[in-house]
């Protein structure tokens, strides 16, 4: 046979027998080869790589689109230190260690790492708060206390849903049944925003009831109720960088920064990762992409993800949480008060929560204060049209309005009528959301579909944690589990024997026996309902 014809025939046969939806495997030398491709250098990705390294599995690559390690733990330079004339470091993403350690109980791994790397942090005292409305100072802290009592009742109702396998509902409905009806009271709405939206970055209407309760309680009841604000001038990601240096050397070629993943081709035999400037051929891959990235098709999958996986991705939620920092030429608010809560007379969640950083234990003498907005208000700040407009926003301390001269020149008018200059301001930066939130109607089975692998493509990240979604510790636990699972498969040469549970047929509720490690629920949830739950709900 003529050689050219022979070659053409072999090529045609290869294409004929190529599995449907799979890209052709590149020839040797075309792709960089590795045992495990870890996609993302955030907490989950670095923890997964560390788990592999601890198992003496050093053949991995970490692929990261940014030029730094940390993912959504990201900081920037802001303002000027009056004494040193150097800029301050403030966090654009994750900012707190949430839940530290309970007496005689477990310790949050993020707190363990914060102590290991000496991160400067200060307890956020939510009792150090002054409350305001459109008329100025108005002490409605009693409303905050009333919400806490209603939450205890709602907590008990959620316990019944879990133990008795009852139908779940929205957090709004759960609060309403417990007696909380804030629609006509803007102070109640501000208190509710402070207690709920500020934590979840979404409204009670958009949040699932049962898993909203468990998601909060498993962190703050199991570890502690403390929130510590990290103000370390190295950046919060110093602990992630520190952990990476326990297994990555200087200029380690296994870390590929500034590398964007464009597509993944996966099967039971391996995964091919196509980047903007090349490709990687791996026996296994760990995707640590956020739910927001997956929902927005920022990465193409070949073959397309199966329906059971896509439905889980599409239903889970990403909240948008934005901190807007201001530095003034003086501190004209009470420097010893940490928080200021504002109840707008018309719009719920309209620039409600302000936190001072100039006081004791923070960036002392910095004259920095920041406001937090979520969802609609956070999205509004991303609009170029809004950036061009004059901004006039009612504030708990006064009014702040943007001048026509520059986006970075602000005036702040206190209720006393005194103008204060504000020369440093950070507009928000968002990319596919900040962190995940459990939606209405999602069962534990469906969340497990979010976690489950497909062939040799595995998933990790905070959203994959059924118990700690939305928290850094969720990313840590999920990264460790997947890293250890793959290390064990490589060691035992078991291929895809580490297949995780998945549910192609979904049921309306989650039965009690499904709260297990197979479904990402290794810690008993019953303790999270405490006294408010049924008597037998405290039994592990």
Protein backbone atom coordinates (compact mmCIF):
# COMPACT_ATOMS: atom_id res chain seq x y z
CA UNK A 1 0.00 0.00 0.00
CA UNK A 2 1.22 3.50 -0.79
CA UNK A 3 2.62 5.05 2.42
CA UNK A 4 0.59 8.27 2.15
CA UNK A 5 -2.63 6.26 1.67
CA UNK A 6 -1.65 4.00 4.57
CA UNK A 7 -1.16 7.02 6.86
CA UNK A 8 -4.45 8.58 5.80
CA UNK A 9 -6.30 5.31 6.46
CA UNK A 10 -4.79 4.97 9.95
CA UNK A 11 -5.74 8.58 10.74
CA UNK A 12 -9.31 7.96 9.57
CA UNK A 13 -9.58 4.78 11.65
CA UNK A 14 -8.25 6.62 14.71
CA UNK A 15 -10.94 9.27 14.31
CA UNK A 16 -13.60 6.61 13.74
CA UNK A 17 -12.81 4.83 16.98
CA UNK A 18 -12.25 8.02 19.00
CA UNK A 19 -14.90 8.08 21.81
CA UNK A 20 -17.67 10.58 21.12
CA UNK A 21 -17.04 13.99 22.61
CA UNK A 22 -13.35 13.32 23.38
CA UNK A 23 -10.55 15.32 21.83
CA UNK A 24 -7.71 13.47 20.18
CA UNK A 25 -4.87 12.66 22.57
CA UNK A 26 -1.81 14.75 21.58
CA UNK A 27 1.40 13.07 20.51
CA UNK A 28 4.28 12.77 22.99
CA UNK A 29 5.99 16.09 23.55
CA UNK A 30 2.98 18.25 22.68
CA UNK A 31 1.62 18.45 26.23
CA UNK A 32 3.29 18.70 29.58
CA UNK A 33 2.59 15.46 31.46
CA UNK A 34 1.80 14.99 35.13
CA UNK A 35 0.00 12.63 37.48
CA UNK A 36 -2.31 15.32 38.89
CA UNK A 37 -3.29 18.71 37.47
CA UNK A 38 -4.58 21.00 40.21
CA UNK A 39 -6.60 23.83 38.73
CA UNK A 40 -6.42 26.82 41.05
CA UNK A 41 -3.94 27.98 43.69
CA UNK A 42 -6.42 29.03 46.36
CA UNK A 43 -6.92 27.33 49.71
CA UNK A 44 -8.43 24.18 48.16
CA UNK A 45 -5.76 23.83 45.46
CA UNK A 46 -2.79 24.39 47.78
CA UNK A 47 -4.26 22.07 50.42
CA UNK A 48 -4.87 19.33 47.81
CA UNK A 49 -1.27 19.67 46.58
CA UNK A 50 -0.02 19.53 50.16
CA UNK A 51 -2.02 16.33 50.77
CA UNK A 52 -0.42 14.77 47.68
CA UNK A 53 3.02 15.88 48.81
CA UNK A 54 2.45 14.51 52.31
CA UNK A 55 1.68 11.15 50.66
CA UNK A 56 5.00 11.35 48.77
CA UNK A 57 3.17 12.11 45.52
CA UNK A 58 5.17 14.99 44.10
CA UNK A 59 4.21 14.63 40.44
CA UNK A 60 1.60 17.37 40.17
CA UNK A 61 1.13 20.77 38.55
CA UNK A 62 -0.75 23.72 40.04
CA UNK A 63 -2.34 25.91 37.36
CA UNK A 64 -3.43 29.42 38.37
CA UNK A 65 -4.75 32.24 36.17
CA UNK A 66 -3.61 34.97 38.59
CA UNK A 67 -0.06 36.04 39.32
CA UNK A 68 -0.31 35.15 43.01
CA UNK A 69 -1.20 32.29 45.36
CA UNK A 70 -4.47 32.68 47.26
CA UNK A 71 -7.41 32.75 44.85
CA UNK A 72 -10.25 34.68 46.45
CA UNK A 73 -8.00 35.49 49.42
CA UNK A 74 -6.75 38.64 47.76
CA UNK A 75 -5.48 42.00 48.98
CA UNK A 76 -4.39 45.34 47.57
CA UNK A 77 -2.49 48.47 48.59
CA UNK A 78 -4.65 51.33 49.80
CA UNK A 79 -4.27 54.77 51.31
CA UNK A 80 -1.23 56.12 53.12
CA UNK A 81 0.09 55.43 56.59
CA UNK A 82 0.41 58.90 58.15
CA UNK A 83 3.60 57.93 59.96
CA UNK A 84 5.50 55.74 57.49
CA UNK A 85 3.98 57.21 54.29
CA UNK A 86 3.69 53.63 53.02
CA UNK A 87 0.38 52.27 51.73
CA UNK A 88 -1.80 50.01 53.85
CA UNK A 89 -2.72 46.45 52.88
CA UNK A 90 -6.47 45.77 52.87
CA UNK A 91 -8.33 42.63 51.83
CA UNK A 92 -10.55 42.57 48.74
CA UNK A 93 -11.73 39.01 49.39
CA UNK A 94 -11.76 36.81 52.50
CA UNK A 95 -11.03 38.90 55.60
CA UNK A 96 -11.99 36.99 58.76
CA UNK A 97 -11.16 33.78 60.57
CA UNK A 98 -14.68 32.63 61.36
CA UNK A 99 -15.02 30.27 64.30
CA UNK A 100 -11.77 29.67 66.20
CA UNK A 101 -11.74 26.89 68.78
CA UNK A 102 -14.19 25.74 71.43
CA UNK A 103 -13.15 24.75 74.93
CA UNK A 104 -12.31 21.06 74.83
CA UNK A 105 -13.51 20.85 71.23
CA UNK A 106 -12.04 20.94 67.73
CA UNK A 107 -10.06 23.85 66.30
CA UNK A 108 -10.82 25.49 63.00
CA UNK A 109 -7.89 24.59 60.69
CA UNK A 110 -7.80 28.17 59.39
CA UNK A 111 -7.28 29.38 62.96
CA UNK A 112 -4.53 26.80 63.40
CA UNK A 113 -2.80 28.16 60.30
CA UNK A 114 -3.36 31.79 61.29
CA UNK A 115 -1.52 31.11 64.55
CA UNK A 116 1.20 29.09 62.80
CA UNK A 117 2.07 31.99 60.49
CA UNK A 118 1.49 34.73 63.05
CA UNK A 119 -1.27 36.55 61.17
CA UNK A 120 -2.16 39.82 62.85
CA UNK A 121 -5.85 39.72 63.65
CA UNK A 122 -8.33 41.24 66.10
CA UNK A 123 -11.61 40.04 67.53
CA UNK A 124 -14.58 41.63 65.81
CA UNK A 125 -16.82 42.65 68.68
CA UNK A 126 -20.30 42.82 67.24
CA UNK A 127 -21.56 44.24 70.54
CA UNK A 128 -19.44 47.33 69.85
CA UNK A 129 -22.06 48.89 67.60
CA UNK A 130 -23.97 52.14 67.24
CA UNK A 131 -27.25 52.13 65.29
CA UNK A 132 -28.58 54.93 63.08
CA UNK A 133 -31.46 55.77 60.79
CA UNK A 134 -32.17 58.68 58.44
CA UNK A 135 -32.57 61.05 61.41
CA UNK A 136 -29.22 60.19 62.93
CA UNK A 137 -28.31 58.15 65.99
CA UNK A 138 -31.16 55.90 67.13
CA UNK A 139 -30.50 53.08 69.55
CA UNK A 140 -32.38 50.05 68.23
CA UNK A 141 -29.94 47.41 69.47
CA UNK A 142 -32.95 45.86 71.20
CA UNK A 143 -34.16 44.87 67.73
CA UNK A 144 -30.90 42.98 67.20
CA UNK A 145 -31.51 41.08 70.43
CA UNK A 146 -35.08 40.31 69.35
CA UNK A 147 -33.82 38.76 66.13
CA UNK A 148 -31.49 36.47 68.10
CA UNK A 149 -34.44 35.15 70.12
CA UNK A 150 -36.43 34.44 66.97
CA UNK A 151 -33.41 32.71 65.45
CA UNK A 152 -33.43 30.30 68.40
CA UNK A 153 -37.03 29.34 67.62
CA UNK A 154 -36.25 28.95 63.92
CA UNK A 155 -33.26 26.82 64.86
CA UNK A 156 -35.55 24.38 66.62
CA UNK A 157 -37.86 24.17 63.59
CA UNK A 158 -34.87 23.44 61.34
CA UNK A 159 -33.85 20.65 63.71
CA UNK A 160 -37.23 18.99 63.17
CA UNK A 161 -36.82 19.21 59.39
CA UNK A 162 -33.52 17.34 59.61
CA UNK A 163 -34.45 14.65 62.14
CA UNK A 164 -37.97 14.00 60.84
CA UNK A 165 -37.13 14.26 57.13
CA UNK A 166 -39.59 17.10 56.58
CA UNK A 167 -39.83 19.36 53.54
CA UNK A 168 -37.41 22.28 53.61
CA UNK A 169 -38.35 25.89 52.87
CA UNK A 170 -36.73 29.31 52.48
CA UNK A 171 -35.01 31.05 55.36
CA UNK A 172 -37.56 33.85 54.95
CA UNK A 173 -40.43 31.42 55.51
CA UNK A 174 -38.60 29.86 58.46
CA UNK A 175 -38.15 33.25 60.11
CA UNK A 176 -41.73 34.23 59.42
CA UNK A 177 -43.09 31.04 60.98
CA UNK A 178 -40.93 31.73 64.03
CA UNK A 179 -42.56 35.16 64.36
CA UNK A 180 -40.17 37.51 62.55
CA UNK A 181 -42.04 39.78 60.10
CA UNK A 182 -39.93 42.84 59.27
CA UNK A 183 -41.46 44.10 56.03
CA UNK A 184 -42.91 47.30 57.47
CA UNK A 185 -40.10 48.09 59.89
CA UNK A 186 -36.81 49.27 58.36
CA UNK A 187 -34.98 48.90 61.67
CA UNK A 188 -36.00 45.24 61.75
CA UNK A 189 -34.85 44.90 58.16
CA UNK A 190 -31.48 46.43 59.05
CA UNK A 191 -31.12 44.08 62.02
CA UNK A 192 -31.97 41.11 59.81
CA UNK A 193 -29.48 42.24 57.15
CA UNK A 194 -26.82 42.59 59.85
CA UNK A 195 -27.43 39.07 61.18
CA UNK A 196 -28.10 37.24 57.91
CA UNK A 197 -27.19 38.99 54.65
CA UNK A 198 -23.86 40.22 55.99
CA UNK A 199 -22.91 36.59 56.62
CA UNK A 200 -24.38 34.84 53.56
CA UNK A 201 -24.21 37.69 50.99
CA UNK A 202 -27.78 36.84 49.98
CA UNK A 203 -31.29 37.49 51.25
CA UNK A 204 -33.42 35.17 53.40
CA UNK A 205 -35.71 34.75 50.36
CA UNK A 206 -32.81 33.31 48.34
CA UNK A 207 -31.44 31.07 51.11
CA UNK A 208 -32.42 27.56 52.11
CA UNK A 209 -33.74 27.24 55.65
CA UNK A 210 -32.35 23.93 56.97
CA UNK A 211 -28.89 24.22 55.46
CA UNK A 212 -28.77 27.94 56.20
CA UNK A 213 -29.10 27.04 59.88
CA UNK A 214 -26.65 24.11 59.77
CA UNK A 215 -24.15 26.04 57.64
CA UNK A 216 -23.98 28.77 60.26
CA UNK A 217 -24.11 26.57 63.34
CA UNK A 218 -21.58 23.94 62.30
CA UNK A 219 -18.92 26.64 62.21
CA UNK A 220 -19.93 28.90 65.08
CA UNK A 221 -21.23 26.22 67.46
CA UNK A 222 -18.60 23.60 66.72
CA UNK A 223 -15.53 25.88 66.75
CA UNK A 224 -16.59 29.12 68.45
CA UNK A 225 -18.76 32.18 67.85
CA UNK A 226 -15.71 34.39 67.34
CA UNK A 227 -14.97 36.32 64.15
CA UNK A 228 -11.43 37.66 64.00
CA UNK A 229 -10.61 40.36 61.44
CA UNK A 230 -7.25 39.81 59.72
CA UNK A 231 -5.35 43.06 59.16
CA UNK A 232 -1.89 41.59 58.62
CA UNK A 233 0.12 43.84 56.32
CA UNK A 234 1.59 40.82 54.52
CA UNK A 235 -1.95 39.98 53.40
CA UNK A 236 -4.30 37.26 54.63
CA UNK A 237 -2.91 34.90 51.98
CA UNK A 238 0.41 34.81 53.87
CA UNK A 239 -0.74 31.54 55.46
CA UNK A 240 -1.54 30.00 52.06
CA UNK A 241 1.84 31.06 50.70
CA UNK A 242 3.46 29.69 53.84
CA UNK A 243 1.78 26.31 53.41
CA UNK A 244 2.79 26.17 49.75
CA UNK A 245 6.41 26.68 50.74
CA UNK A 246 6.32 23.48 52.79
CA UNK A 247 6.31 21.49 49.55
CA UNK A 248 7.18 23.94 46.76
CA UNK A 249 10.72 25.18 46.31
CA UNK A 250 11.80 28.58 45.07
CA UNK A 251 10.92 28.98 41.37
CA UNK A 252 9.29 25.55 41.44
CA UNK A 253 8.15 24.72 37.91
CA UNK A 254 5.18 22.79 39.31
CA UNK A 255 3.51 26.13 40.05
CA UNK A 256 2.17 27.69 36.83
CA UNK A 257 0.97 31.22 37.56
CA UNK A 258 -0.53 33.51 34.90
CA UNK A 259 -1.93 30.45 33.15
CA UNK A 260 -5.58 30.45 32.09
CA UNK A 261 -7.45 27.17 31.68
CA UNK A 262 -9.67 27.22 28.60
CA UNK A 263 -11.00 23.66 28.36
CA UNK A 264 -10.94 20.24 30.00
CA UNK A 265 -11.26 16.91 28.18
CA UNK A 266 -11.92 14.14 30.68
CA UNK A 267 -12.52 10.38 30.72
CA UNK A 268 -11.95 7.32 32.89
CA UNK A 269 -8.36 7.21 31.64
CA UNK A 270 -7.23 10.78 32.28
CA UNK A 271 -7.74 14.49 31.74
CA UNK A 272 -6.31 16.89 29.18
CA UNK A 273 -6.14 20.53 30.21
CA UNK A 274 -5.93 23.13 27.48
CA UNK A 275 -4.52 26.48 28.58
CA UNK A 276 -4.14 29.75 26.72
CA UNK A 277 -0.60 28.84 25.74
CA UNK A 278 -0.37 25.05 25.78
CA UNK A 279 -1.80 21.92 27.32
CA UNK A 280 -1.32 19.45 30.16
CA UNK A 281 -1.95 15.73 30.01
CA UNK A 282 -2.77 14.36 33.48
CA UNK A 283 -3.86 11.08 34.96
CA UNK A 284 -6.16 13.03 37.30
CA UNK A 285 -7.34 16.63 37.58
CA UNK A 286 -8.79 18.59 40.50
CA UNK A 287 -11.00 21.54 39.56
CA UNK A 288 -11.15 24.16 42.30
CA UNK A 289 -13.06 26.63 40.13
CA UNK A 290 -15.76 28.53 42.00
CA UNK A 291 -19.42 27.79 41.34
CA UNK A 292 -19.57 31.20 39.67
CA UNK A 293 -16.86 30.23 37.18
CA UNK A 294 -18.64 26.95 36.42
CA UNK A 295 -22.03 28.65 36.04
CA UNK A 296 -20.67 31.20 33.59
CA UNK A 297 -19.03 28.63 31.30
CA UNK A 298 -15.63 30.26 31.75
CA UNK A 299 -14.14 26.80 31.11
CA UNK A 300 -15.34 24.39 28.40
CA UNK A 301 -15.80 20.71 29.25
CA UNK A 302 -15.46 17.95 26.69
CA UNK A 303 -17.69 16.01 26.77
CA UNK A 304 -20.19 18.47 28.28
CA UNK A 305 -20.85 17.86 31.96
CA UNK A 306 -23.70 15.38 32.52
CA UNK A 307 -27.14 16.70 33.36
CA UNK A 308 -27.01 15.65 37.04
CA UNK A 309 -23.82 17.68 37.49
CA UNK A 310 -25.02 20.70 35.52
CA UNK A 311 -28.29 20.89 37.46
CA UNK A 312 -26.42 20.96 40.76
CA UNK A 313 -24.01 23.65 39.51
CA UNK A 314 -26.84 25.78 38.12
CA UNK A 315 -28.91 25.64 41.31
CA UNK A 316 -26.19 26.40 43.84
CA UNK A 317 -25.58 30.10 44.41
CA UNK A 318 -22.75 32.60 44.56
CA UNK A 319 -23.22 35.67 46.71
CA UNK A 320 -21.45 38.94 45.94
CA UNK A 321 -19.88 40.61 48.97
CA UNK A 322 -18.12 43.92 48.46
CA UNK A 323 -16.12 46.03 50.90
CA UNK A 324 -15.65 49.69 49.94
CA UNK A 325 -12.78 51.37 51.80
CA UNK A 326 -12.42 55.07 52.58
CA UNK A 327 -9.55 56.97 54.18
CA UNK A 328 -10.24 60.41 55.61
CA UNK A 329 -7.88 63.09 56.82
CA UNK A 330 -9.15 62.56 60.36
CA UNK A 331 -11.31 60.20 62.39
CA UNK A 332 -14.55 62.08 63.02
CA UNK A 333 -16.46 59.01 64.20
CA UNK A 334 -16.13 57.26 67.55
CA UNK A 335 -12.76 55.46 67.22
CA UNK A 336 -13.58 53.06 70.05
CA UNK A 337 -16.72 51.74 68.35
CA UNK A 338 -16.13 48.97 65.81
CA UNK A 339 -19.44 48.93 63.93
CA UNK A 340 -22.09 51.39 62.77
CA UNK A 341 -25.42 50.08 61.42
CA UNK A 342 -27.65 52.26 59.26
CA UNK A 343 -31.35 51.61 58.55
CA UNK A 344 -32.32 53.34 55.32
CA UNK A 345 -35.96 54.52 55.33
CA UNK A 346 -36.74 53.10 51.88
CA UNK A 347 -34.24 50.48 50.71
CA UNK A 348 -33.25 47.36 52.62
CA UNK A 349 -29.49 46.77 52.59
CA UNK A 350 -28.62 50.27 51.36
CA UNK A 351 -25.04 50.73 52.64
CA UNK A 352 -25.97 49.48 56.12
CA UNK A 353 -22.83 48.10 57.81
CA UNK A 354 -19.73 50.22 58.45
CA UNK A 355 -16.63 49.05 60.27
CA UNK A 356 -13.90 51.29 61.64
CA UNK A 357 -10.28 50.22 61.23
CA UNK A 358 -8.70 53.19 62.95
CA UNK A 359 -9.40 52.04 66.50
CA UNK A 360 -7.47 49.94 69.03
CA UNK A 361 -6.21 46.59 67.72
CA UNK A 362 -6.72 47.36 64.03
CA UNK A 363 -4.93 49.85 61.75
CA UNK A 364 -4.66 52.34 64.56
CA UNK A 365 -4.64 55.98 63.53
CA UNK A 366 -5.32 55.13 59.88
CA UNK A 367 -8.58 57.11 59.60
CA UNK A 368 -9.92 54.19 57.52
CA UNK A 369 -13.50 53.00 57.57
CA UNK A 370 -15.24 50.62 55.17
CA UNK A 371 -18.80 49.81 54.24
CA UNK A 372 -20.07 46.41 53.13
CA UNK A 373 -22.72 45.89 50.48
CA UNK A 374 -24.04 42.64 49.00
CA UNK A 375 -26.09 41.46 46.03
CA UNK A 376 -28.05 44.29 44.34
CA UNK A 377 -26.02 47.11 45.87
CA UNK A 378 -22.77 45.25 45.17
CA UNK A 379 -23.79 44.69 41.54
CA UNK A 380 -24.78 48.34 41.24
CA UNK A 381 -21.20 49.33 42.00
CA UNK A 382 -19.97 47.19 39.14
CA UNK A 383 -21.94 49.27 36.63
CA UNK A 384 -19.83 51.70 34.60
CA UNK A 385 -22.87 53.93 34.30
CA UNK A 386 -23.13 54.23 38.08
CA UNK A 387 -19.41 54.98 38.36
CA UNK A 388 -19.90 57.97 36.06
CA UNK A 389 -22.83 59.31 38.02
CA UNK A 390 -22.72 61.41 41.13
CA UNK A 391 -23.07 59.09 44.10
CA UNK A 392 -24.96 60.37 47.10
CA UNK A 393 -25.45 57.75 49.77
CA UNK A 394 -27.07 58.15 53.17
CA UNK A 395 -24.73 56.87 55.83
CA UNK A 396 -24.89 56.08 59.51
CA UNK A 397 -22.28 58.78 60.12
CA UNK A 398 -23.56 61.26 57.56
CA UNK A 399 -23.58 61.59 53.79
CA UNK A 400 -20.82 60.82 51.30
CA UNK A 401 -21.09 62.21 47.78
CA UNK A 402 -18.87 61.84 44.76
CA UNK A 403 -17.73 65.07 43.16
CA UNK A 404 -17.46 65.69 39.43
CA UNK A 405 -13.68 66.05 39.48
CA UNK A 406 -12.54 62.52 40.14
CA UNK A 407 -13.81 59.15 41.27
CA UNK A 408 -11.16 59.32 44.00
CA UNK A 409 -12.21 62.68 45.46
CA UNK A 410 -15.05 62.46 47.97
CA UNK A 411 -16.73 64.75 50.46
CA UNK A 412 -18.25 63.51 53.66
CA UNK A 413 -20.88 65.65 55.39
CA UNK A 414 -21.58 64.76 59.00
CA UNK A 415 -24.94 65.43 60.58
CA UNK A 416 -23.34 68.48 62.13
CA UNK A 417 -22.78 69.88 58.66
CA UNK A 418 -18.97 69.76 58.67
CA UNK A 419 -17.31 68.75 55.39
CA UNK A 420 -14.53 66.18 55.59
CA UNK A 421 -12.28 65.31 52.67
CA UNK A 422 -11.95 61.70 51.56
CA UNK A 423 -9.08 61.25 49.13
CA UNK A 424 -8.68 57.48 49.03
CA UNK A 425 -11.40 55.14 47.88
CA UNK A 426 -11.44 51.59 46.52
CA UNK A 427 -14.21 50.67 44.10
CA UNK A 428 -15.16 47.00 44.29
CA UNK A 429 -13.74 44.25 42.14
CA UNK A 430 -15.89 41.23 41.39
CA UNK A 431 -15.41 38.13 39.28
CA UNK A 432 -18.22 35.57 39.28
CA UNK A 433 -19.17 36.20 42.91
CA UNK A 434 -17.47 36.07 46.30
CA UNK A 435 -18.55 32.81 47.95
CA UNK A 436 -21.33 30.26 47.78
CA UNK A 437 -24.70 30.10 49.52
CA UNK A 438 -27.15 27.19 49.86
CA UNK A 439 -30.29 27.88 47.79
CA UNK A 440 -33.92 27.09 48.49
CA UNK A 441 -34.92 23.53 47.60
CA UNK A 442 -31.46 21.96 47.32
CA UNK A 443 -31.12 18.63 49.13
CA UNK A 444 -27.97 17.02 50.46
CA UNK A 445 -28.19 14.50 47.60
CA UNK A 446 -28.15 17.26 45.00
CA UNK A 447 -25.26 18.99 46.74
CA UNK A 448 -23.37 15.70 46.60
CA UNK A 449 -23.78 15.84 42.82
CA UNK A 450 -21.95 19.17 42.99
CA UNK A 451 -19.07 17.43 44.80
CA UNK A 452 -18.97 14.16 42.84
CA UNK A 453 -16.20 13.37 40.38
CA UNK A 454 -16.71 12.47 36.71
CA UNK A 455 -14.18 9.89 35.64
CA UNK A 456 -10.79 11.19 36.69
CA UNK A 457 -11.97 14.78 37.00
CA UNK A 458 -12.51 15.73 40.66
CA UNK A 459 -13.90 18.90 42.24
CA UNK A 460 -12.91 20.79 45.39
CA UNK A 461 -13.49 24.21 46.93
CA UNK A 462 -15.62 25.91 49.55
CA UNK A 463 -18.86 25.36 47.63
CA UNK A 464 -18.23 21.60 47.60
CA UNK A 465 -18.35 21.47 51.39
CA UNK A 466 -21.84 20.57 52.60
CA UNK A 467 -20.99 21.65 56.13
CA UNK A 468 -18.72 24.67 55.63
CA UNK A 469 -19.78 26.13 52.26
CA UNK A 470 -18.97 29.83 52.10
CA UNK A 471 -16.11 29.49 54.60
CA UNK A 472 -12.35 29.11 54.09
CA UNK A 473 -12.39 25.99 56.23
CA UNK A 474 -14.74 24.43 53.66
CA UNK A 475 -12.09 24.88 50.97
CA UNK A 476 -9.43 23.46 53.31
CA UNK A 477 -11.40 20.31 54.21
CA UNK A 478 -12.46 19.61 50.61
CA UNK A 479 -8.98 20.16 49.21
CA UNK A 480 -7.47 17.80 51.77
CA UNK A 481 -10.06 15.07 51.17
CA UNK A 482 -9.69 15.07 47.38
CA UNK A 483 -5.89 15.24 47.57
CA UNK A 484 -5.78 12.27 49.93
CA UNK A 485 -8.29 10.31 47.83
CA UNK A 486 -6.26 10.70 44.64
CA UNK A 487 -2.98 9.97 46.44
CA UNK A 488 -4.45 6.70 47.69
CA UNK A 489 -5.64 5.72 44.20
CA UNK A 490 -2.22 6.43 42.71
CA UNK A 491 -0.48 4.52 45.48
CA UNK A 492 -2.75 1.49 45.13
CA UNK A 493 -2.98 1.77 41.33
CA UNK A 494 -6.77 1.58 41.53
CA UNK A 495 -7.66 3.94 38.68
CA UNK A 496 -11.02 5.56 39.43
CA UNK A 497 -11.82 3.41 42.44
CA UNK A 498 -12.26 6.66 44.37
CA UNK A 499 -15.57 7.39 42.68
CA UNK A 500 -17.74 9.51 44.95
CA UNK A 501 -21.45 9.06 45.60
CA UNK A 502 -23.76 10.68 43.10
CA UNK A 503 -27.52 10.71 42.53
CA UNK A 504 -28.83 10.66 38.99
CA UNK A 505 -32.35 10.20 40.41
CA UNK A 506 -33.05 12.84 43.04
CA UNK A 507 -35.55 12.68 45.88
CA UNK A 508 -37.40 15.58 47.46
CA UNK A 509 -35.85 15.30 50.92
CA UNK A 510 -32.73 13.93 52.59
CA UNK A 511 -33.15 10.94 54.88
CA UNK A 512 -31.38 10.85 58.23
CA UNK A 513 -28.98 8.05 57.28
CA UNK A 514 -27.72 10.11 54.33
CA UNK A 515 -25.99 12.56 56.67
CA UNK A 516 -22.72 10.69 56.27
CA UNK A 517 -19.15 11.20 55.08
CA UNK A 518 -20.11 9.68 51.71
CA UNK A 519 -22.25 12.77 51.15
CA UNK A 520 -19.71 15.21 52.56
CA UNK A 521 -21.18 15.26 56.08
CA UNK A 522 -18.54 13.74 58.40
CA UNK A 523 -19.49 15.74 61.51
CA UNK A 524 -22.79 15.16 63.24
CA UNK A 525 -25.13 18.07 62.58
CA UNK A 526 -27.41 17.25 65.47
CA UNK A 527 -25.25 19.07 67.99
CA UNK A 528 -25.74 22.30 66.05
CA UNK A 529 -29.34 22.59 67.21
CA UNK A 530 -28.35 22.33 70.86
CA UNK A 531 -31.05 22.94 73.43
CA UNK A 532 -33.35 24.28 70.72
CA UNK A 533 -33.54 20.89 69.01
CA UNK A 534 -35.45 17.77 69.97
CA UNK A 535 -34.08 15.95 73.05
CA UNK A 536 -32.76 13.09 70.92
CA UNK A 537 -31.28 15.50 68.37
CA UNK A 538 -28.14 15.92 70.48
CA UNK A 539 -27.16 12.28 70.10
CA UNK A 540 -24.37 11.69 67.58
